[in-house]
């Protein structure tokens, strides 16, 4: 087991113990699901069939993630043709809407996600979200010098009727041209030294939809409005590498940071020649308070990974499997 994999297992122990306690097995969560350490209400592990009605309402299948604590659905914008600094941005690199649902022992469901829209779609989508009682917790861009203008809005809702939340989200998305899903392809060959990239980052990346992805999650227990989030949900540092030829990659991604880490990471990224895109929040009620730094670069893929590693080492994270 690698050092980061060992750290991951140690880091996830409190959160996963809390998940087990919701099924009556954890020592740190009372029978009512409340954590005895006062951190908040822990999530409940579910099965894929538990979310069948949500999948029907969304009009597409999803998958279980984070040790079956989150139900995840992707809405890739394959319909968009976007360029940044002359690079054609694939849906897998930076144009992926996604939402996650989490169940809690108080019989409520949390919805969190990030939606990709064109500038013309942003206001109609926002109106639809507001009608559905779904909050927008951030509105911003992830790319520099983009054509056409694309916007990202983070969404949040908490209620007792998960299907109603899903229907409201789907109705809001119907105001956009978000296409039907395509089959996800994994582990196809790409023109990148993926072994060298993974070694540089000390992660176990994976190729998904033609893009090599590496993920890191915060070690802290993160809560939102008194509810414990599954490990990594809303607190992931994610890096995507799209091949552009000759072993070079377009890098897009973001860091999830606490306040004391922000300036060191910004400086480390610039010293490595990586471009800064955005610094902002994604959520309104998270504890600890998390800041997100989005970045962009085009260079030799291993060199990019080495530059990222210098910044990653300044943060309290551990590498996580890309899938699940």
Protein backbone atom coordinates (compact mmCIF):
# COMPACT_ATOMS: atom_id res chain seq x y z
CA UNK A 1 0.00 0.00 0.00
CA UNK A 2 1.36 3.42 -0.97
CA UNK A 3 1.88 6.12 1.63
CA UNK A 4 -1.05 8.18 0.32
CA UNK A 5 -3.35 5.13 0.19
CA UNK A 6 -2.48 4.35 3.82
CA UNK A 7 -3.18 7.96 4.79
CA UNK A 8 -6.49 7.79 2.94
CA UNK A 9 -7.59 4.79 4.97
CA UNK A 10 -6.64 6.52 8.22
CA UNK A 11 -8.24 9.82 7.20
CA UNK A 12 -11.57 8.26 6.24
CA UNK A 13 -11.94 6.19 9.41
CA UNK A 14 -14.02 8.73 11.41
CA UNK A 15 -16.36 9.56 8.53
CA UNK A 16 -16.86 5.95 7.48
CA UNK A 17 -17.40 4.90 11.07
CA UNK A 18 -20.14 7.48 11.22
CA UNK A 19 -21.72 6.01 8.11
CA UNK A 20 -21.65 2.56 9.65
CA UNK A 21 -23.22 3.92 12.83
CA UNK A 22 -26.28 4.96 10.89
CA UNK A 23 -26.72 1.22 10.37
CA UNK A 24 -26.12 0.61 14.09
CA UNK A 25 -22.43 -0.35 14.00
CA UNK A 26 -20.40 2.80 14.72
CA UNK A 27 -19.01 3.85 18.08
CA UNK A 28 -19.04 7.60 17.39
CA UNK A 29 -22.70 7.95 16.35
CA UNK A 30 -25.73 7.51 18.58
CA UNK A 31 -28.74 5.39 17.52
CA UNK A 32 -30.52 8.53 16.25
CA UNK A 33 -27.63 9.18 13.86
CA UNK A 34 -26.19 12.15 15.73
CA UNK A 35 -22.43 12.11 16.10
CA UNK A 36 -21.34 11.98 19.73
CA UNK A 37 -18.38 14.24 18.95
CA UNK A 38 -20.83 17.04 18.14
CA UNK A 39 -19.76 17.39 14.49
CA UNK A 40 -23.26 16.84 13.09
CA UNK A 41 -25.55 14.26 11.61
CA UNK A 42 -23.78 11.52 9.67
CA UNK A 43 -24.93 10.26 6.23
CA UNK A 44 -26.65 6.92 5.67
CA UNK A 45 -25.27 4.28 3.31
CA UNK A 46 -27.77 3.41 0.57
CA UNK A 47 -28.06 1.03 -2.38
CA UNK A 48 -28.53 1.92 -6.04
CA UNK A 49 -32.19 0.74 -6.15
CA UNK A 50 -32.97 3.14 -3.28
CA UNK A 51 -32.52 5.96 -5.81
CA UNK A 52 -34.59 4.51 -8.69
CA UNK A 53 -37.29 7.19 -8.40
CA UNK A 54 -34.66 9.94 -8.37
CA UNK A 55 -33.05 8.45 -11.48
CA UNK A 56 -36.44 8.37 -13.20
CA UNK A 57 -37.09 11.99 -12.27
CA UNK A 58 -33.67 13.06 -13.58
CA UNK A 59 -34.15 11.07 -16.77
CA UNK A 60 -30.81 9.27 -16.58
CA UNK A 61 -29.04 6.67 -14.45
CA UNK A 62 -26.59 7.48 -11.69
CA UNK A 63 -24.07 5.59 -9.58
CA UNK A 64 -23.12 5.14 -5.95
CA UNK A 65 -20.00 6.92 -4.69
CA UNK A 66 -18.12 7.55 -1.46
CA UNK A 67 -18.66 4.12 0.09
CA UNK A 68 -22.33 4.16 -0.99
CA UNK A 69 -22.97 7.38 0.92
CA UNK A 70 -23.71 9.52 -2.17
CA UNK A 71 -25.79 8.97 -5.29
CA UNK A 72 -24.11 10.76 -8.21
CA UNK A 73 -25.45 11.71 -11.64
CA UNK A 74 -23.46 13.35 -14.44
CA UNK A 75 -24.75 15.65 -17.20
CA UNK A 76 -21.81 16.09 -19.59
CA UNK A 77 -22.21 18.96 -22.06
CA UNK A 78 -21.20 17.05 -25.18
CA UNK A 79 -23.24 19.55 -27.17
CA UNK A 80 -20.88 22.48 -26.54
CA UNK A 81 -17.86 23.42 -28.66
CA UNK A 82 -15.66 25.47 -26.33
CA UNK A 83 -12.08 26.62 -26.80
CA UNK A 84 -9.62 28.13 -24.33
CA UNK A 85 -6.31 29.52 -25.59
CA UNK A 86 -6.88 27.59 -28.82
CA UNK A 87 -7.50 24.24 -27.10
CA UNK A 88 -10.81 22.55 -27.83
CA UNK A 89 -12.14 21.70 -24.38
CA UNK A 90 -13.69 18.25 -24.16
CA UNK A 91 -16.72 17.55 -22.00
CA UNK A 92 -14.57 15.33 -19.79
CA UNK A 93 -11.99 18.05 -19.22
CA UNK A 94 -14.19 20.87 -17.97
CA UNK A 95 -17.78 20.71 -19.23
CA UNK A 96 -19.37 18.28 -16.84
CA UNK A 97 -22.48 19.15 -14.84
CA UNK A 98 -23.06 16.80 -11.93
CA UNK A 99 -25.30 16.42 -8.88
CA UNK A 100 -25.14 14.23 -5.78
CA UNK A 101 -27.85 13.18 -3.33
CA UNK A 102 -27.11 12.15 0.28
CA UNK A 103 -29.60 10.63 2.74
CA UNK A 104 -29.54 11.30 6.50
CA UNK A 105 -31.12 9.47 9.45
CA UNK A 106 -33.52 12.39 10.04
CA UNK A 107 -35.13 11.30 6.73
CA UNK A 108 -33.89 14.36 4.85
CA UNK A 109 -31.88 14.42 1.63
CA UNK A 110 -29.10 16.81 0.67
CA UNK A 111 -28.63 17.78 -2.98
CA UNK A 112 -25.32 19.31 -4.06
CA UNK A 113 -23.95 19.89 -7.54
CA UNK A 114 -22.34 22.05 -10.19
CA UNK A 115 -24.07 22.92 -13.47
CA UNK A 116 -22.40 24.04 -16.72
CA UNK A 117 -24.40 26.45 -18.87
CA UNK A 118 -23.96 28.94 -21.68
CA UNK A 119 -24.40 32.63 -20.92
CA UNK A 120 -27.80 32.60 -22.65
CA UNK A 121 -28.89 29.66 -20.47
CA UNK A 122 -27.76 31.06 -17.11
CA UNK A 123 -30.75 33.28 -16.28
CA UNK A 124 -33.50 30.80 -17.35
CA UNK A 125 -31.71 28.04 -15.42
CA UNK A 126 -31.46 30.29 -12.35
CA UNK A 127 -35.18 31.08 -12.52
CA UNK A 128 -35.99 27.38 -12.72
CA UNK A 129 -33.79 26.56 -9.74
CA UNK A 130 -35.43 29.30 -7.68
CA UNK A 131 -38.92 28.01 -8.52
CA UNK A 132 -37.83 24.54 -7.37
CA UNK A 133 -36.46 25.85 -4.06
CA UNK A 134 -32.89 24.96 -5.06
CA UNK A 135 -30.26 27.43 -3.93
CA UNK A 136 -27.39 28.77 -6.04
CA UNK A 137 -24.30 28.91 -3.85
CA UNK A 138 -21.82 30.15 -6.47
CA UNK A 139 -21.85 31.55 -10.02
CA UNK A 140 -18.50 31.84 -11.78
CA UNK A 141 -16.23 30.68 -14.61
CA UNK A 142 -13.68 27.86 -14.64
CA UNK A 143 -11.84 28.76 -17.86
CA UNK A 144 -9.78 31.67 -19.17
CA UNK A 145 -10.10 33.15 -22.68
CA UNK A 146 -13.08 30.91 -23.38
CA UNK A 147 -15.19 31.00 -26.51
CA UNK A 148 -18.16 31.03 -26.16
CA UNK A 149 -18.74 32.28 -22.60
CA UNK A 150 -19.57 29.38 -20.29
CA UNK A 151 -20.70 29.69 -16.68
CA UNK A 152 -20.78 27.33 -13.72
CA UNK A 153 -23.36 27.53 -10.95
CA UNK A 154 -23.21 25.44 -7.80
CA UNK A 155 -26.53 24.24 -6.41
CA UNK A 156 -27.73 23.17 -2.97
CA UNK A 157 -30.99 21.98 -1.44
CA UNK A 158 -32.05 20.08 1.66
CA UNK A 159 -35.50 18.54 2.07
CA UNK A 160 -37.58 15.49 2.86
CA UNK A 161 -38.67 14.69 -0.71
CA UNK A 162 -35.67 13.66 -2.81
CA UNK A 163 -37.84 12.95 -5.84
CA UNK A 164 -39.33 16.45 -5.74
CA UNK A 165 -35.82 17.91 -5.62
CA UNK A 166 -34.82 15.79 -8.61
CA UNK A 167 -37.90 16.84 -10.57
CA UNK A 168 -37.23 20.49 -9.82
CA UNK A 169 -33.63 20.16 -10.93
CA UNK A 170 -34.63 18.36 -14.13
CA UNK A 171 -37.23 21.03 -14.95
CA UNK A 172 -34.61 23.76 -14.47
CA UNK A 173 -32.16 21.90 -16.70
CA UNK A 174 -34.85 21.60 -19.37
CA UNK A 175 -34.34 25.35 -19.91
CA UNK A 176 -30.87 24.45 -21.24
CA UNK A 177 -29.65 22.33 -24.13
CA UNK A 178 -28.05 19.76 -21.79
CA UNK A 179 -28.02 16.58 -23.94
CA UNK A 180 -28.98 13.01 -23.18
CA UNK A 181 -26.18 10.94 -21.63
CA UNK A 182 -23.60 8.98 -23.59
CA UNK A 183 -21.99 5.79 -22.30
CA UNK A 184 -18.95 6.52 -20.13
CA UNK A 185 -15.75 4.92 -21.39
CA UNK A 186 -12.88 4.07 -19.07
CA UNK A 187 -9.24 3.07 -19.35
CA UNK A 188 -8.80 3.82 -23.03
CA UNK A 189 -5.29 4.68 -24.19
CA UNK A 190 -4.28 8.34 -24.26
CA UNK A 191 -1.14 10.02 -25.60
CA UNK A 192 0.17 10.78 -22.13
CA UNK A 193 2.70 9.25 -19.74
CA UNK A 194 0.00 8.39 -17.23
CA UNK A 195 2.35 6.26 -15.13
CA UNK A 196 4.80 9.16 -14.88
CA UNK A 197 1.97 11.55 -14.01
CA UNK A 198 0.62 9.29 -11.28
CA UNK A 199 4.10 8.80 -9.86
CA UNK A 200 4.71 12.55 -9.81
CA UNK A 201 1.40 13.16 -8.00
CA UNK A 202 1.50 9.95 -5.94
CA UNK A 203 -2.08 9.19 -6.94
CA UNK A 204 -3.97 6.40 -8.69
CA UNK A 205 -5.48 8.20 -11.64
CA UNK A 206 -7.78 6.84 -14.31
CA UNK A 207 -8.69 7.67 -17.89
CA UNK A 208 -12.38 8.56 -18.22
CA UNK A 209 -13.89 9.91 -21.44
CA UNK A 210 -10.42 10.47 -22.92
CA UNK A 211 -9.17 12.52 -19.96
CA UNK A 212 -6.74 11.38 -17.25
CA UNK A 213 -8.11 12.30 -13.82
CA UNK A 214 -6.49 12.46 -10.37
CA UNK A 215 -8.44 13.18 -7.17
CA UNK A 216 -7.51 14.23 -3.64
CA UNK A 217 -9.91 14.67 -0.73
CA UNK A 218 -9.72 16.73 2.45
CA UNK A 219 -8.82 14.81 5.60
CA UNK A 220 -11.11 16.90 7.79
CA UNK A 221 -14.70 15.98 8.50
CA UNK A 222 -16.67 18.58 6.53
CA UNK A 223 -20.19 19.56 7.55
CA UNK A 224 -22.85 21.57 5.76
CA UNK A 225 -25.62 23.05 7.89
CA UNK A 226 -24.92 20.57 10.67
CA UNK A 227 -24.89 17.53 8.36
CA UNK A 228 -21.66 15.59 7.82
CA UNK A 229 -20.75 15.28 4.15
CA UNK A 230 -19.46 11.97 2.74
CA UNK A 231 -15.65 12.04 2.38
CA UNK A 232 -14.73 14.21 -0.58
CA UNK A 233 -18.22 15.45 -1.41
CA UNK A 234 -17.86 19.17 -2.02
CA UNK A 235 -14.26 19.05 -0.78
CA UNK A 236 -12.30 17.44 -3.61
CA UNK A 237 -9.14 18.70 -5.28
CA UNK A 238 -9.55 17.35 -8.81
CA UNK A 239 -7.13 17.54 -11.74
CA UNK A 240 -7.97 16.62 -15.33
CA UNK A 241 -5.41 16.15 -18.11
CA UNK A 242 -6.59 16.20 -21.74
CA UNK A 243 -3.97 15.12 -24.31
CA UNK A 244 -3.16 17.73 -26.95
CA UNK A 245 -0.35 15.82 -28.74
CA UNK A 246 3.29 14.94 -28.20
CA UNK A 247 2.85 14.00 -24.55
CA UNK A 248 1.48 17.44 -23.75
CA UNK A 249 -1.76 18.04 -21.90
CA UNK A 250 -4.28 20.74 -21.21
CA UNK A 251 -4.69 20.79 -17.43
CA UNK A 252 -7.90 21.94 -15.80
CA UNK A 253 -8.86 21.50 -12.18
CA UNK A 254 -9.31 23.00 -8.76
CA UNK A 255 -7.97 22.84 -5.22
CA UNK A 256 -10.21 22.65 -2.14
CA UNK A 257 -8.43 24.67 0.54
CA UNK A 258 -8.82 26.04 4.04
CA UNK A 259 -7.95 29.72 4.46
CA UNK A 260 -4.42 29.20 5.76
CA UNK A 261 -3.48 27.15 2.68
CA UNK A 262 -4.67 29.57 -0.01
CA UNK A 263 -1.71 31.91 -0.39
CA UNK A 264 0.91 29.16 -0.30
CA UNK A 265 -0.92 27.21 -3.01
CA UNK A 266 -1.36 30.30 -5.20
CA UNK A 267 2.36 31.04 -5.00
CA UNK A 268 3.34 27.41 -5.63
CA UNK A 269 1.13 27.20 -8.71
CA UNK A 270 2.55 30.37 -10.21
CA UNK A 271 6.14 29.31 -9.48
CA UNK A 272 5.37 26.17 -11.50
CA UNK A 273 4.01 28.24 -14.39
CA UNK A 274 0.37 27.24 -13.89
CA UNK A 275 -2.31 29.84 -14.59
CA UNK A 276 -4.75 30.97 -11.91
CA UNK A 277 -8.37 31.23 -13.02
CA UNK A 278 -10.64 31.73 -9.98
CA UNK A 279 -10.56 31.91 -6.17
CA UNK A 280 -13.98 31.56 -4.53
CA UNK A 281 -16.39 29.53 -2.38
CA UNK A 282 -18.58 26.74 -3.67
CA UNK A 283 -20.83 26.49 -0.60
CA UNK A 284 -22.44 28.83 1.91
CA UNK A 285 -22.54 26.84 5.16
CA UNK A 286 -19.53 24.50 5.07
CA UNK A 287 -17.35 23.90 8.13
CA UNK A 288 -14.42 24.18 7.93
CA UNK A 289 -14.83 27.03 5.43
CA UNK A 290 -13.42 25.88 2.09
CA UNK A 291 -12.01 27.99 -0.73
CA UNK A 292 -11.53 26.74 -4.29
CA UNK A 293 -8.72 27.71 -6.65
CA UNK A 294 -9.30 26.85 -10.31
CA UNK A 295 -6.30 26.53 -12.61
CA UNK A 296 -5.30 26.01 -16.25
CA UNK A 297 -2.10 25.14 -18.10
CA UNK A 298 -0.83 23.48 -21.27
CA UNK A 299 2.56 21.76 -21.10
CA UNK A 300 4.30 18.40 -20.87
CA UNK A 301 1.92 16.28 -18.80
CA UNK A 302 4.52 14.97 -16.34
CA UNK A 303 5.91 18.46 -15.83
CA UNK A 304 2.40 19.69 -15.06
CA UNK A 305 1.92 16.88 -12.53
CA UNK A 306 5.20 17.74 -10.86
CA UNK A 307 4.12 21.37 -10.53
CA UNK A 308 0.78 20.32 -9.06
CA UNK A 309 2.51 18.05 -6.57
CA UNK A 310 4.42 20.97 -5.05
CA UNK A 311 1.09 22.68 -4.36
CA UNK A 312 -0.75 19.51 -3.25
CA UNK A 313 1.92 18.90 -0.61
CA UNK A 314 0.93 22.19 1.03
CA UNK A 315 -2.62 20.96 1.66
CA UNK A 316 -4.25 18.56 4.12
CA UNK A 317 -5.43 15.97 1.58
CA UNK A 318 -4.96 12.35 0.63
CA UNK A 319 -5.20 10.74 -2.81
CA UNK A 320 -8.44 8.95 -3.56
CA UNK A 321 -9.52 6.47 -6.23
CA UNK A 322 -10.87 8.34 -9.27
CA UNK A 323 -13.99 6.18 -9.48
CA UNK A 324 -16.34 5.71 -6.56
